[in-house]
Each structure stands twice: as C-alpha cells, then as structure tokens.
C-alpha cells in the first residue's frame, strides 16, 4: 500500500489538529485511507504524518495540490514540509 509521509513544524498543535481533522473529507476524496500522526518528543513542534493511500499517483497529485498547501497555511505550518512517497515492501506477520 503506498504511503505519503510529511514532516513539518507547526506553531500550535491544537490549531493544526483542528485543520487536519477538518481536511479529512478532502484527503479521503483524493484517495487517503487512513493516517497516523507522530510528534517529536524532543521538539514537539515537529510532526510526522503518515498517510496511507489507495494509489501512488493520486498521492502525488494530492501532495502537489494547492488545497494541501492552503490547509497547511491555515494550520500554522511554519516551515517548508518534507514529503516522501513510500511503498510498503514488507509487512511482517505477528
């Protein structure tokens, strides 16, 4: 399953989270299947957002969209995000 990994810094977590939650319907309409948010324990203003996607090309289109960058601005992202496109190559069974 393809994933989109975004790393960026934010000013206020509650403001960012409200925008992130509101943006779910847009992400879903563009192929997002789910997400996980990770917060740096040393620098809590740094977030990693892992988004599972239905299709790698749709993830690329979303990552390049003005809508994503507008949501980041509304959420108070304070730096240029780093974005990676990931392919799940091995998921061990437990």
N, C-alpha and C. Protein backbone atom coordinates (compact mmCIF):
# COMPACT_ATOMS: atom_id res chain seq x y z
N UNK A 1 0.85 -1.18 0.00
CA UNK A 1 0.00 0.00 0.00
C UNK A 1 0.89 1.24 0.00
N UNK A 2 0.69 2.16 -0.92
CA UNK A 2 1.50 3.38 -0.95
C UNK A 2 1.17 4.29 0.23
N UNK A 3 2.19 5.00 0.65
CA UNK A 3 2.02 5.96 1.75
C UNK A 3 2.67 7.28 1.38
N UNK A 4 2.16 8.30 2.00
CA UNK A 4 2.70 9.65 1.88
C UNK A 4 3.16 10.02 3.28
N UNK A 5 4.43 10.42 3.41
CA UNK A 5 4.99 10.83 4.69
C UNK A 5 5.33 12.31 4.60
N UNK A 6 4.78 13.09 5.51
CA UNK A 6 5.01 14.54 5.53
C UNK A 6 5.64 14.91 6.87
N UNK A 7 6.72 15.69 6.81
CA UNK A 7 7.37 16.21 8.00
C UNK A 7 7.34 17.71 7.95
N UNK A 8 6.85 18.33 9.01
CA UNK A 8 6.89 19.79 9.09
C UNK A 8 6.79 20.25 10.54
N UNK A 9 7.03 21.53 10.72
CA UNK A 9 6.91 22.17 12.04
C UNK A 9 5.62 22.99 12.07
N UNK A 10 5.05 23.08 13.27
CA UNK A 10 3.82 23.84 13.47
C UNK A 10 3.99 24.81 14.62
N UNK A 11 3.12 25.82 14.64
CA UNK A 11 3.15 26.78 15.73
C UNK A 11 2.34 26.32 16.93
N UNK A 12 1.12 25.85 16.69
CA UNK A 12 0.20 25.46 17.75
C UNK A 12 -0.47 24.15 17.37
N UNK A 13 -0.27 23.11 18.19
CA UNK A 13 -0.79 21.79 17.84
C UNK A 13 -2.31 21.77 17.73
N UNK A 14 -3.01 22.39 18.67
CA UNK A 14 -4.48 22.36 18.65
C UNK A 14 -5.03 23.01 17.39
N UNK A 15 -4.46 24.13 16.98
CA UNK A 15 -4.88 24.79 15.73
C UNK A 15 -4.62 23.86 14.55
N UNK A 16 -3.41 23.29 14.48
CA UNK A 16 -3.05 22.41 13.37
C UNK A 16 -3.99 21.20 13.33
N UNK A 17 -4.23 20.58 14.49
CA UNK A 17 -5.05 19.36 14.55
C UNK A 17 -6.48 19.62 14.10
N UNK A 18 -7.03 20.78 14.46
CA UNK A 18 -8.40 21.12 14.03
C UNK A 18 -8.47 21.19 12.51
N UNK A 19 -7.49 21.82 11.88
CA UNK A 19 -7.46 21.92 10.41
C UNK A 19 -7.24 20.53 9.81
N UNK A 20 -6.33 19.77 10.38
CA UNK A 20 -6.07 18.41 9.90
C UNK A 20 -7.34 17.56 9.93
N UNK A 21 -8.07 17.62 11.04
CA UNK A 21 -9.30 16.85 11.16
C UNK A 21 -10.36 17.33 10.16
N UNK A 22 -10.50 18.64 9.97
CA UNK A 22 -11.46 19.18 9.00
C UNK A 22 -11.11 18.78 7.57
N UNK A 23 -9.82 18.57 7.32
CA UNK A 23 -9.34 18.28 5.98
C UNK A 23 -9.52 16.80 5.61
N UNK A 24 -10.01 15.96 6.54
CA UNK A 24 -10.14 14.53 6.29
C UNK A 24 -11.00 14.23 5.06
N UNK A 25 -12.13 14.90 4.90
CA UNK A 25 -13.01 14.58 3.77
C UNK A 25 -12.32 14.86 2.44
N UNK A 26 -11.50 15.90 2.39
CA UNK A 26 -10.76 16.21 1.17
C UNK A 26 -9.71 15.13 0.91
N UNK A 27 -8.98 14.74 1.95
CA UNK A 27 -7.98 13.69 1.77
C UNK A 27 -8.65 12.40 1.32
N UNK A 28 -9.75 12.05 1.94
CA UNK A 28 -10.46 10.81 1.61
C UNK A 28 -10.95 10.83 0.16
N UNK A 29 -11.48 11.96 -0.27
CA UNK A 29 -11.97 12.09 -1.65
C UNK A 29 -10.84 11.95 -2.66
N UNK A 30 -9.61 12.18 -2.22
CA UNK A 30 -8.46 12.08 -3.10
C UNK A 30 -7.69 10.78 -2.95
N UNK A 31 -8.23 9.85 -2.16
CA UNK A 31 -7.64 8.52 -2.07
C UNK A 31 -7.00 8.14 -0.76
N UNK A 32 -7.01 9.01 0.24
CA UNK A 32 -6.42 8.67 1.54
C UNK A 32 -7.29 7.61 2.22
N UNK A 33 -6.62 6.65 2.84
CA UNK A 33 -7.32 5.56 3.51
C UNK A 33 -7.22 5.67 5.03
N UNK A 34 -6.23 6.36 5.52
CA UNK A 34 -6.04 6.49 6.95
C UNK A 34 -4.78 7.27 7.23
N UNK A 35 -4.59 7.61 8.50
CA UNK A 35 -3.41 8.41 8.85
C UNK A 35 -2.95 8.10 10.26
N UNK A 36 -1.70 8.40 10.50
CA UNK A 36 -1.10 8.37 11.83
C UNK A 36 -0.27 9.63 11.98
N UNK A 37 -0.31 10.21 13.16
CA UNK A 37 0.43 11.43 13.46
C UNK A 37 1.47 11.09 14.52
N UNK A 38 2.70 11.50 14.27
CA UNK A 38 3.78 11.31 15.22
C UNK A 38 4.35 12.68 15.58
N UNK A 39 4.62 12.86 16.87
CA UNK A 39 5.16 14.13 17.36
C UNK A 39 6.54 13.87 17.94
N UNK A 40 7.51 14.68 17.54
CA UNK A 40 8.87 14.55 18.03
C UNK A 40 8.88 14.81 19.54
N UNK A 41 9.46 13.89 20.32
CA UNK A 41 9.46 14.04 21.77
C UNK A 41 10.44 15.11 22.25
N UNK A 42 11.45 15.41 21.46
CA UNK A 42 12.41 16.45 21.82
C UNK A 42 11.93 17.82 21.35
N UNK A 43 11.34 17.87 20.17
CA UNK A 43 10.82 19.11 19.60
C UNK A 43 9.35 18.90 19.24
N UNK A 44 8.42 19.17 20.18
CA UNK A 44 7.01 18.88 19.92
C UNK A 44 6.37 19.71 18.80
N UNK A 45 7.09 20.69 18.28
CA UNK A 45 6.56 21.44 17.14
C UNK A 45 6.81 20.71 15.83
N UNK A 46 7.58 19.62 15.86
CA UNK A 46 7.86 18.85 14.65
C UNK A 46 6.93 17.64 14.59
N UNK A 47 6.23 17.51 13.47
CA UNK A 47 5.29 16.41 13.27
C UNK A 47 5.69 15.58 12.06
N UNK A 48 5.39 14.29 12.15
CA UNK A 48 5.45 13.39 11.00
C UNK A 48 4.04 12.84 10.82
N UNK A 49 3.51 12.98 9.61
CA UNK A 49 2.17 12.50 9.30
C UNK A 49 2.31 11.40 8.25
N UNK A 50 1.88 10.20 8.60
CA UNK A 50 1.93 9.06 7.69
C UNK A 50 0.51 8.80 7.19
N UNK A 51 0.32 8.95 5.89
CA UNK A 51 -0.99 8.79 5.27
C UNK A 51 -0.97 7.59 4.33
N UNK A 52 -1.85 6.64 4.57
CA UNK A 52 -1.99 5.51 3.65
C UNK A 52 -2.86 5.96 2.48
N UNK A 53 -2.50 5.51 1.29
CA UNK A 53 -3.19 5.97 0.08
C UNK A 53 -3.61 4.79 -0.76
N UNK A 54 -4.64 4.96 -1.55
CA UNK A 54 -5.12 3.88 -2.42
C UNK A 54 -4.28 3.73 -3.69
N UNK A 55 -3.59 4.79 -4.09
CA UNK A 55 -2.85 4.79 -5.35
C UNK A 55 -1.72 5.80 -5.26
N UNK A 56 -0.52 5.41 -5.66
CA UNK A 56 0.64 6.30 -5.56
C UNK A 56 0.48 7.57 -6.38
N UNK A 57 -0.06 7.44 -7.58
CA UNK A 57 -0.23 8.63 -8.43
C UNK A 57 -1.22 9.62 -7.82
N UNK A 58 -2.28 9.11 -7.22
CA UNK A 58 -3.24 10.01 -6.54
C UNK A 58 -2.59 10.69 -5.34
N UNK A 59 -1.71 9.99 -4.65
CA UNK A 59 -0.97 10.60 -3.53
C UNK A 59 -0.07 11.72 -4.04
N UNK A 60 0.58 11.50 -5.16
CA UNK A 60 1.45 12.54 -5.76
C UNK A 60 0.63 13.77 -6.16
N UNK A 61 -0.52 13.54 -6.77
CA UNK A 61 -1.37 14.66 -7.17
C UNK A 61 -1.84 15.45 -5.95
N UNK A 62 -2.21 14.76 -4.89
CA UNK A 62 -2.64 15.43 -3.67
C UNK A 62 -1.49 16.23 -3.06
N UNK A 63 -0.30 15.64 -3.01
CA UNK A 63 0.86 16.32 -2.41
C UNK A 63 1.22 17.59 -3.18
N UNK A 64 0.92 17.64 -4.46
CA UNK A 64 1.21 18.82 -5.28
C UNK A 64 0.05 19.81 -5.33
N UNK A 65 -1.04 19.51 -4.65
CA UNK A 65 -2.23 20.34 -4.79
C UNK A 65 -2.15 21.63 -3.97
N UNK A 66 -2.76 22.66 -4.52
CA UNK A 66 -2.87 23.93 -3.79
C UNK A 66 -3.69 23.74 -2.52
N UNK A 67 -4.66 22.84 -2.56
CA UNK A 67 -5.52 22.60 -1.41
C UNK A 67 -4.72 22.14 -0.19
N UNK A 68 -3.74 21.26 -0.40
CA UNK A 68 -2.91 20.79 0.71
C UNK A 68 -2.13 21.95 1.31
N UNK A 69 -1.53 22.77 0.46
CA UNK A 69 -0.71 23.88 0.97
C UNK A 69 -1.56 24.96 1.64
N UNK A 70 -2.78 25.16 1.15
CA UNK A 70 -3.69 26.09 1.82
C UNK A 70 -4.07 25.57 3.20
N UNK A 71 -4.31 24.26 3.32
CA UNK A 71 -4.62 23.68 4.63
C UNK A 71 -3.42 23.80 5.56
N UNK A 72 -2.23 23.59 5.05
CA UNK A 72 -1.03 23.74 5.88
C UNK A 72 -0.90 25.18 6.39
N UNK A 73 -1.19 26.13 5.52
CA UNK A 73 -1.13 27.53 5.94
C UNK A 73 -2.17 27.83 7.01
N UNK A 74 -3.39 27.35 6.83
CA UNK A 74 -4.44 27.54 7.83
C UNK A 74 -4.07 26.90 9.16
N UNK A 75 -3.38 25.77 9.10
CA UNK A 75 -3.00 25.05 10.31
C UNK A 75 -1.77 25.60 11.01
N UNK A 76 -1.11 26.56 10.39
CA UNK A 76 0.04 27.18 11.04
C UNK A 76 1.36 26.45 10.85
N UNK A 77 1.52 25.78 9.71
CA UNK A 77 2.81 25.15 9.41
C UNK A 77 3.84 26.26 9.24
N UNK A 78 4.98 26.11 9.92
CA UNK A 78 5.95 27.20 9.99
C UNK A 78 7.17 27.02 9.11
N UNK A 79 7.26 25.90 8.39
CA UNK A 79 8.42 25.69 7.52
C UNK A 79 7.98 24.99 6.24
N UNK A 80 8.91 24.82 5.35
CA UNK A 80 8.64 24.09 4.11
C UNK A 80 8.58 22.60 4.45
N UNK A 81 7.49 21.92 4.16
CA UNK A 81 7.39 20.50 4.53
C UNK A 81 8.32 19.64 3.68
N UNK A 82 8.75 18.54 4.27
CA UNK A 82 9.43 17.49 3.54
C UNK A 82 8.38 16.43 3.25
N UNK A 83 8.36 15.94 2.01
CA UNK A 83 7.34 14.97 1.61
C UNK A 83 8.04 13.79 0.94
N UNK A 84 7.68 12.58 1.39
CA UNK A 84 8.21 11.36 0.81
C UNK A 84 7.05 10.49 0.36
N UNK A 85 7.26 9.79 -0.73
CA UNK A 85 6.31 8.80 -1.23
C UNK A 85 6.91 7.43 -0.95
N UNK A 86 6.17 6.60 -0.23
CA UNK A 86 6.71 5.33 0.25
C UNK A 86 5.89 4.16 -0.30
N UNK A 87 6.59 3.07 -0.56
CA UNK A 87 5.94 1.83 -0.97
C UNK A 87 6.16 0.80 0.14
N UNK A 88 5.10 0.14 0.54
CA UNK A 88 5.17 -0.90 1.56
C UNK A 88 5.71 -2.16 0.90
N UNK A 89 6.94 -2.55 1.26
CA UNK A 89 7.55 -3.70 0.62
C UNK A 89 7.52 -4.96 1.49
N UNK A 90 7.30 -4.78 2.78
CA UNK A 90 7.25 -5.96 3.66
C UNK A 90 6.52 -5.60 4.94
N UNK A 91 5.49 -6.32 5.23
CA UNK A 91 4.75 -6.15 6.48
C UNK A 91 4.75 -7.51 7.17
N UNK A 92 5.65 -7.67 8.13
CA UNK A 92 5.75 -8.99 8.78
C UNK A 92 4.49 -9.34 9.56
N UNK A 93 4.15 -10.59 9.53
CA UNK A 93 3.00 -11.05 10.31
C UNK A 93 3.49 -11.37 11.73
N UNK A 94 2.62 -11.13 12.66
CA UNK A 94 2.99 -11.33 14.07
C UNK A 94 2.40 -12.63 14.56
